[in-house]
């Protein structure tokens, strides 16, 4: 009889312990759910902040390129405004061709700085109309697209732009 009573008490103690542990588990699960929701809210807020900062960086990058383009155009004298017009026209054509956002950006940037290779040429070559260039001056001028490409090849995120700049004097027939 004592053994049965001890077993009954032990069973009752174990049932109470089981209920206590279940209540503790439920409480901890609720706490974890609250923490998880809080964490998700913080992650979403941080993600928005990172996206905002990335947008600011992209905008600053484009503004820097525009400034650099303006500096290039000051050097070109008679061609002032040429790069901006090329960039705007190229972007409109790219939009009409349903290019991706990245392609649109690369095309616009390439239009702004397509003549970056001209910085390798002396002023005496840049100041002459192309039709009057001869000999070494003409050869150097004809190489400015490849010089422009070389300038940008070190920038991992500008490979598409470098390729466009390299080919900006090519014709559809490859000439």
C-alpha atoms as a PDB file:
ATOM      1  CA  UNK A   1       0.000   0.000   0.000  1.00  0.00           C
ATOM      2  CA  UNK A   2       2.821   2.407   0.863  1.00  0.00           C
ATOM      3  CA  UNK A   3       4.445   1.698  -2.497  1.00  0.00           C
ATOM      4  CA  UNK A   4       1.220   2.503  -4.357  1.00  0.00           C
ATOM      5  CA  UNK A   5       0.770   5.699  -2.336  1.00  0.00           C
ATOM      6  CA  UNK A   6       4.383   6.730  -3.052  1.00  0.00           C
ATOM      7  CA  UNK A   7       3.842   6.060  -6.742  1.00  0.00           C
ATOM      8  CA  UNK A   8       0.660   8.167  -6.683  1.00  0.00           C
ATOM      9  CA  UNK A   9       2.470  11.033  -4.966  1.00  0.00           C
ATOM     10  CA  UNK A  10       5.371  10.739  -7.409  1.00  0.00           C
ATOM     11  CA  UNK A  11       2.984  10.707 -10.344  1.00  0.00           C
ATOM     12  CA  UNK A  12       1.139  13.745  -8.971  1.00  0.00           C
ATOM     13  CA  UNK A  13       4.492  15.552  -8.457  1.00  0.00           C
ATOM     14  CA  UNK A  14       5.539  14.683 -12.002  1.00  0.00           C
ATOM     15  CA  UNK A  15       2.219  15.933 -13.424  1.00  0.00           C
ATOM     16  CA  UNK A  16       2.644  19.241 -11.553  1.00  0.00           C
ATOM     17  CA  UNK A  17       6.259  19.500 -12.791  1.00  0.00           C
ATOM     18  CA  UNK A  18       5.061  18.731 -16.314  1.00  0.00           C
ATOM     19  CA  UNK A  19       2.419  21.490 -16.106  1.00  0.00           C
ATOM     20  CA  UNK A  20       5.006  23.915 -14.729  1.00  0.00           C
ATOM     21  CA  UNK A  21       7.450  23.078 -17.535  1.00  0.00           C
ATOM     22  CA  UNK A  22       4.715  23.421 -20.173  1.00  0.00           C
ATOM     23  CA  UNK A  23       3.759  26.839 -18.775  1.00  0.00           C
ATOM     24  CA  UNK A  24       7.429  27.883 -18.763  1.00  0.00           C
ATOM     25  CA  UNK A  25       7.840  26.639 -22.353  1.00  0.00           C
ATOM     26  CA  UNK A  26       4.748  28.549 -23.450  1.00  0.00           C
ATOM     27  CA  UNK A  27       6.010  31.677 -21.704  1.00  0.00           C
ATOM     28  CA  UNK A  28       9.432  31.406 -23.358  1.00  0.00           C
ATOM     29  CA  UNK A  29       7.860  30.759 -26.768  1.00  0.00           C
ATOM     30  CA  UNK A  30       5.769  33.909 -26.370  1.00  0.00           C
ATOM     31  CA  UNK A  31       8.868  35.845 -25.355  1.00  0.00           C
ATOM     32  CA  UNK A  32      10.754  34.470 -28.372  1.00  0.00           C
ATOM     33  CA  UNK A  33       7.891  35.472 -30.669  1.00  0.00           C
ATOM     34  CA  UNK A  34       7.941  39.017 -29.242  1.00  0.00           C
ATOM     35  CA  UNK A  35      11.712  39.192 -29.665  1.00  0.00           C
ATOM     36  CA  UNK A  36      11.430  37.824 -33.193  1.00  0.00           C
ATOM     37  CA  UNK A  37       8.836  40.453 -34.128  1.00  0.00           C
ATOM     38  CA  UNK A  38      11.013  43.161 -32.602  1.00  0.00           C
ATOM     39  CA  UNK A  39      14.020  41.837 -34.483  1.00  0.00           C
ATOM     40  CA  UNK A  40      12.095  41.767 -37.765  1.00  0.00           C
ATOM     41  CA  UNK A  41      11.029  45.389 -37.221  1.00  0.00           C
ATOM     42  CA  UNK A  42      14.624  46.413 -36.521  1.00  0.00           C
ATOM     43  CA  UNK A  43      15.871  44.493 -39.576  1.00  0.00           C
ATOM     44  CA  UNK A  44      13.272  46.187 -41.779  1.00  0.00           C
ATOM     45  CA  UNK A  45      14.192  49.610 -40.391  1.00  0.00           C
ATOM     46  CA  UNK A  46      17.896  48.923 -40.910  1.00  0.00           C
ATOM     47  CA  UNK A  47      17.258  47.615 -44.427  1.00  0.00           C
ATOM     48  CA  UNK A  48      15.399  50.817 -45.298  1.00  0.00           C
ATOM     49  CA  UNK A  49      18.283  52.858 -43.907  1.00  0.00           C
ATOM     50  CA  UNK A  50      20.836  50.874 -45.926  1.00  0.00           C
ATOM     51  CA  UNK A  51      18.728  51.257 -49.078  1.00  0.00           C
ATOM     52  CA  UNK A  52      18.475  55.012 -48.471  1.00  0.00           C
ATOM     53  CA  UNK A  53      22.236  55.242 -48.002  1.00  0.00           C
ATOM     54  CA  UNK A  54      22.864  53.174 -51.144  1.00  0.00           C
ATOM     55  CA  UNK A  55      20.579  55.515 -53.083  1.00  0.00           C
ATOM     56  CA  UNK A  56      22.525  58.504 -51.743  1.00  0.00           C
ATOM     57  CA  UNK A  57      25.799  56.886 -52.795  1.00  0.00           C
ATOM     58  CA  UNK A  58      24.439  56.202 -56.314  1.00  0.00           C
ATOM     59  CA  UNK A  59      23.240  59.800 -56.545  1.00  0.00           C
ATOM     60  CA  UNK A  60      26.627  61.107 -55.360  1.00  0.00           C
ATOM     61  CA  UNK A  61      28.365  58.826 -57.853  1.00  0.00           C
ATOM     62  CA  UNK A  62      26.272  60.198 -60.734  1.00  0.00           C
ATOM     63  CA  UNK A  63      26.804  63.782 -59.519  1.00  0.00           C
ATOM     64  CA  UNK A  64      30.572  63.202 -59.394  1.00  0.00           C
ATOM     65  CA  UNK A  65      30.500  61.888 -62.945  1.00  0.00           C
ATOM     66  CA  UNK A  66      28.482  64.917 -64.050  1.00  0.00           C
ATOM     67  CA  UNK A  67      31.051  67.224 -62.442  1.00  0.00           C
ATOM     68  CA  UNK A  68      33.886  65.340 -64.113  1.00  0.00           C
ATOM     69  CA  UNK A  69      32.017  65.525 -67.436  1.00  0.00           C
ATOM     70  CA  UNK A  70      31.675  69.288 -67.021  1.00  0.00           C
ATOM     71  CA  UNK A  71      35.405  69.586 -66.369  1.00  0.00           C
ATOM     72  CA  UNK A  72      36.119  67.561 -69.518  1.00  0.00           C
ATOM     73  CA  UNK A  73      33.850  69.810 -71.548  1.00  0.00           C
ATOM     74  CA  UNK A  74      35.601  72.951 -70.305  1.00  0.00           C
ATOM     75  CA  UNK A  75      38.751  71.539 -71.834  1.00  0.00           C
ATOM     76  CA  UNK A  76      37.021  70.842 -75.138  1.00  0.00           C
ATOM     77  CA  UNK A  77      36.165  74.488 -75.797  1.00  0.00           C
ATOM     78  CA  UNK A  78      33.918  74.496 -78.875  1.00  0.00           C
ATOM     79  CA  UNK A  79      32.346  71.183 -77.929  1.00  0.00           C
ATOM     80  CA  UNK A  80      30.990  72.424 -74.604  1.00  0.00           C
ATOM     81  CA  UNK A  81      27.672  70.687 -73.884  1.00  0.00           C
ATOM     82  CA  UNK A  82      28.425  67.889 -76.343  1.00  0.00           C
ATOM     83  CA  UNK A  83      28.793  65.129 -73.733  1.00  0.00           C
ATOM     84  CA  UNK A  84      25.572  66.069 -71.950  1.00  0.00           C
ATOM     85  CA  UNK A  85      23.665  66.049 -75.241  1.00  0.00           C
ATOM     86  CA  UNK A  86      25.168  62.671 -76.158  1.00  0.00           C
ATOM     87  CA  UNK A  87      24.258  61.253 -72.734  1.00  0.00           C
ATOM     88  CA  UNK A  88      20.663  62.529 -72.909  1.00  0.00           C
ATOM     89  CA  UNK A  89      20.144  61.273 -76.466  1.00  0.00           C
ATOM     90  CA  UNK A  90      21.713  57.893 -75.689  1.00  0.00           C
ATOM     91  CA  UNK A  91      19.514  57.488 -72.603  1.00  0.00           C
ATOM     92  CA  UNK A  92      16.371  58.292 -74.596  1.00  0.00           C
ATOM     93  CA  UNK A  93      17.353  55.729 -77.231  1.00  0.00           C
ATOM     94  CA  UNK A  94      18.113  53.134 -74.557  1.00  0.00           C
ATOM     95  CA  UNK A  95      14.698  53.717 -72.949  1.00  0.00           C
ATOM     96  CA  UNK A  96      13.017  53.305 -76.333  1.00  0.00           C
ATOM     97  CA  UNK A  97      14.894  50.008 -76.680  1.00  0.00           C
ATOM     98  CA  UNK A  98      13.596  48.843 -73.249  1.00  0.00           C
ATOM     99  CA  UNK A  99      17.068  48.517 -71.758  1.00  0.00           C
ATOM    100  CA  UNK A 100      17.390  47.532 -68.100  1.00  0.00           C
ATOM    101  CA  UNK A 101      17.970  50.148 -65.402  1.00  0.00           C
ATOM    102  CA  UNK A 102      21.645  49.138 -65.146  1.00  0.00           C
ATOM    103  CA  UNK A 103      22.065  49.428 -68.927  1.00  0.00           C
ATOM    104  CA  UNK A 104      20.351  52.838 -68.887  1.00  0.00           C
ATOM    105  CA  UNK A 105      22.720  54.049 -66.191  1.00  0.00           C
ATOM    106  CA  UNK A 106      25.816  52.655 -67.970  1.00  0.00           C
ATOM    107  CA  UNK A 107      24.731  54.247 -71.253  1.00  0.00           C
ATOM    108  CA  UNK A 108      24.062  57.604 -69.604  1.00  0.00           C
ATOM    109  CA  UNK A 109      27.421  57.583 -67.786  1.00  0.00           C
ATOM    110  CA  UNK A 110      29.240  56.496 -70.945  1.00  0.00           C
ATOM    111  CA  UNK A 111      27.584  59.358 -72.806  1.00  0.00           C
ATOM    112  CA  UNK A 112      28.747  61.845 -70.190  1.00  0.00           C
ATOM    113  CA  UNK A 113      32.367  60.699 -70.224  1.00  0.00           C
ATOM    114  CA  UNK A 114      32.678  59.071 -73.662  1.00  0.00           C
ATOM    115  CA  UNK A 115      35.542  61.405 -74.582  1.00  0.00           C
ATOM    116  CA  UNK A 116      37.507  60.838 -71.361  1.00  0.00           C
ATOM    117  CA  UNK A 117      40.357  59.463 -73.477  1.00  0.00           C
ATOM    118  CA  UNK A 118      40.892  62.954 -74.891  1.00  0.00           C
ATOM    119  CA  UNK A 119      42.601  63.946 -71.651  1.00  0.00           C
ATOM    120  CA  UNK A 120      45.599  61.961 -72.920  1.00  0.00           C
ATOM    121  CA  UNK A 121      45.931  64.334 -75.901  1.00  0.00           C
ATOM    122  CA  UNK A 122      47.691  67.684 -75.942  1.00  0.00           C
ATOM    123  CA  UNK A 123      45.588  70.838 -76.315  1.00  0.00           C
ATOM    124  CA  UNK A 124      47.017  71.406 -79.793  1.00  0.00           C
ATOM    125  CA  UNK A 125      45.303  68.206 -80.995  1.00  0.00           C
ATOM    126  CA  UNK A 126      42.015  68.823 -79.185  1.00  0.00           C
ATOM    127  CA  UNK A 127      41.703  72.376 -80.478  1.00  0.00           C
ATOM    128  CA  UNK A 128      41.904  71.334 -84.151  1.00  0.00           C
ATOM    129  CA  UNK A 129      38.886  70.051 -86.047  1.00  0.00           C
ATOM    130  CA  UNK A 130      39.247  66.303 -86.669  1.00  0.00           C
ATOM    131  CA  UNK A 131      39.169  66.866 -90.434  1.00  0.00           C
ATOM    132  CA  UNK A 132      42.439  68.853 -90.148  1.00  0.00           C
ATOM    133  CA  UNK A 133      44.317  66.272 -88.062  1.00  0.00           C
ATOM    134  CA  UNK A 134      47.114  64.378 -89.797  1.00  0.00           C
ATOM    135  CA  UNK A 135      49.872  61.887 -89.041  1.00  0.00           C
ATOM    136  CA  UNK A 136      50.623  61.183 -85.395  1.00  0.00           C
ATOM    137  CA  UNK A 137      47.991  63.639 -84.209  1.00  0.00           C
ATOM    138  CA  UNK A 138      45.277  61.785 -86.128  1.00  0.00           C
ATOM    139  CA  UNK A 139      46.528  58.407 -84.869  1.00  0.00           C
ATOM    140  CA  UNK A 140      46.466  59.635 -81.261  1.00  0.00           C
ATOM    141  CA  UNK A 141      42.983  61.069 -81.733  1.00  0.00           C
ATOM    142  CA  UNK A 142      41.725  57.789 -83.202  1.00  0.00           C
ATOM    143  CA  UNK A 143      43.011  55.944 -80.126  1.00  0.00           C
ATOM    144  CA  UNK A 144      41.184  58.114 -77.573  1.00  0.00           C
ATOM    145  CA  UNK A 145      38.285  55.619 -77.225  1.00  0.00           C
ATOM    146  CA  UNK A 146      40.707  52.851 -76.219  1.00  0.00           C
ATOM    147  CA  UNK A 147      42.494  55.241 -73.829  1.00  0.00           C
ATOM    148  CA  UNK A 148      39.113  56.022 -72.287  1.00  0.00           C
ATOM    149  CA  UNK A 149      38.390  52.332 -71.865  1.00  0.00           C
ATOM    150  CA  UNK A 150      41.781  51.787 -70.194  1.00  0.00           C
ATOM    151  CA  UNK A 151      41.074  54.586 -67.732  1.00  0.00           C
ATOM    152  CA  UNK A 152      37.882  52.855 -66.570  1.00  0.00           C
ATOM    153  CA  UNK A 153      39.006  49.205 -66.664  1.00  0.00           C
ATOM    154  CA  UNK A 154      40.371  49.412 -63.119  1.00  0.00           C
ATOM    155  CA  UNK A 155      36.862  50.189 -61.824  1.00  0.00           C
ATOM    156  CA  UNK A 156      34.954  46.925 -61.346  1.00  0.00           C
ATOM    157  CA  UNK A 157      31.561  48.611 -61.497  1.00  0.00           C
ATOM    158  CA  UNK A 158      32.396  50.494 -64.713  1.00  0.00           C
ATOM    159  CA  UNK A 159      33.147  47.567 -67.055  1.00  0.00           C
ATOM    160  CA  UNK A 160      29.966  48.140 -69.068  1.00  0.00           C
ATOM    161  CA  UNK A 161      30.720  51.851 -69.338  1.00  0.00           C
ATOM    162  CA  UNK A 162      34.324  51.117 -70.413  1.00  0.00           C
ATOM    163  CA  UNK A 163      33.081  48.832 -73.196  1.00  0.00           C
ATOM    164  CA  UNK A 164      30.671  51.486 -74.477  1.00  0.00           C
ATOM    165  CA  UNK A 165      33.374  54.146 -74.407  1.00  0.00           C
ATOM    166  CA  UNK A 166      35.756  51.841 -76.290  1.00  0.00           C
ATOM    167  CA  UNK A 167      33.272  51.469 -79.127  1.00  0.00           C
ATOM    168  CA  UNK A 168      31.785  54.970 -79.277  1.00  0.00           C
ATOM    169  CA  UNK A 169      33.418  55.794 -82.649  1.00  0.00           C
ATOM    170  CA  UNK A 170      32.636  52.430 -84.263  1.00  0.00           C
ATOM    171  CA  UNK A 171      30.075  52.183 -87.007  1.00  0.00           C
ATOM    172  CA  UNK A 172      27.530  49.448 -87.583  1.00  0.00           C
ATOM    173  CA  UNK A 173      29.740  47.955 -90.307  1.00  0.00           C
ATOM    174  CA  UNK A 174      32.672  47.732 -87.859  1.00  0.00           C
ATOM    175  CA  UNK A 175      34.639  50.605 -89.395  1.00  0.00           C
END
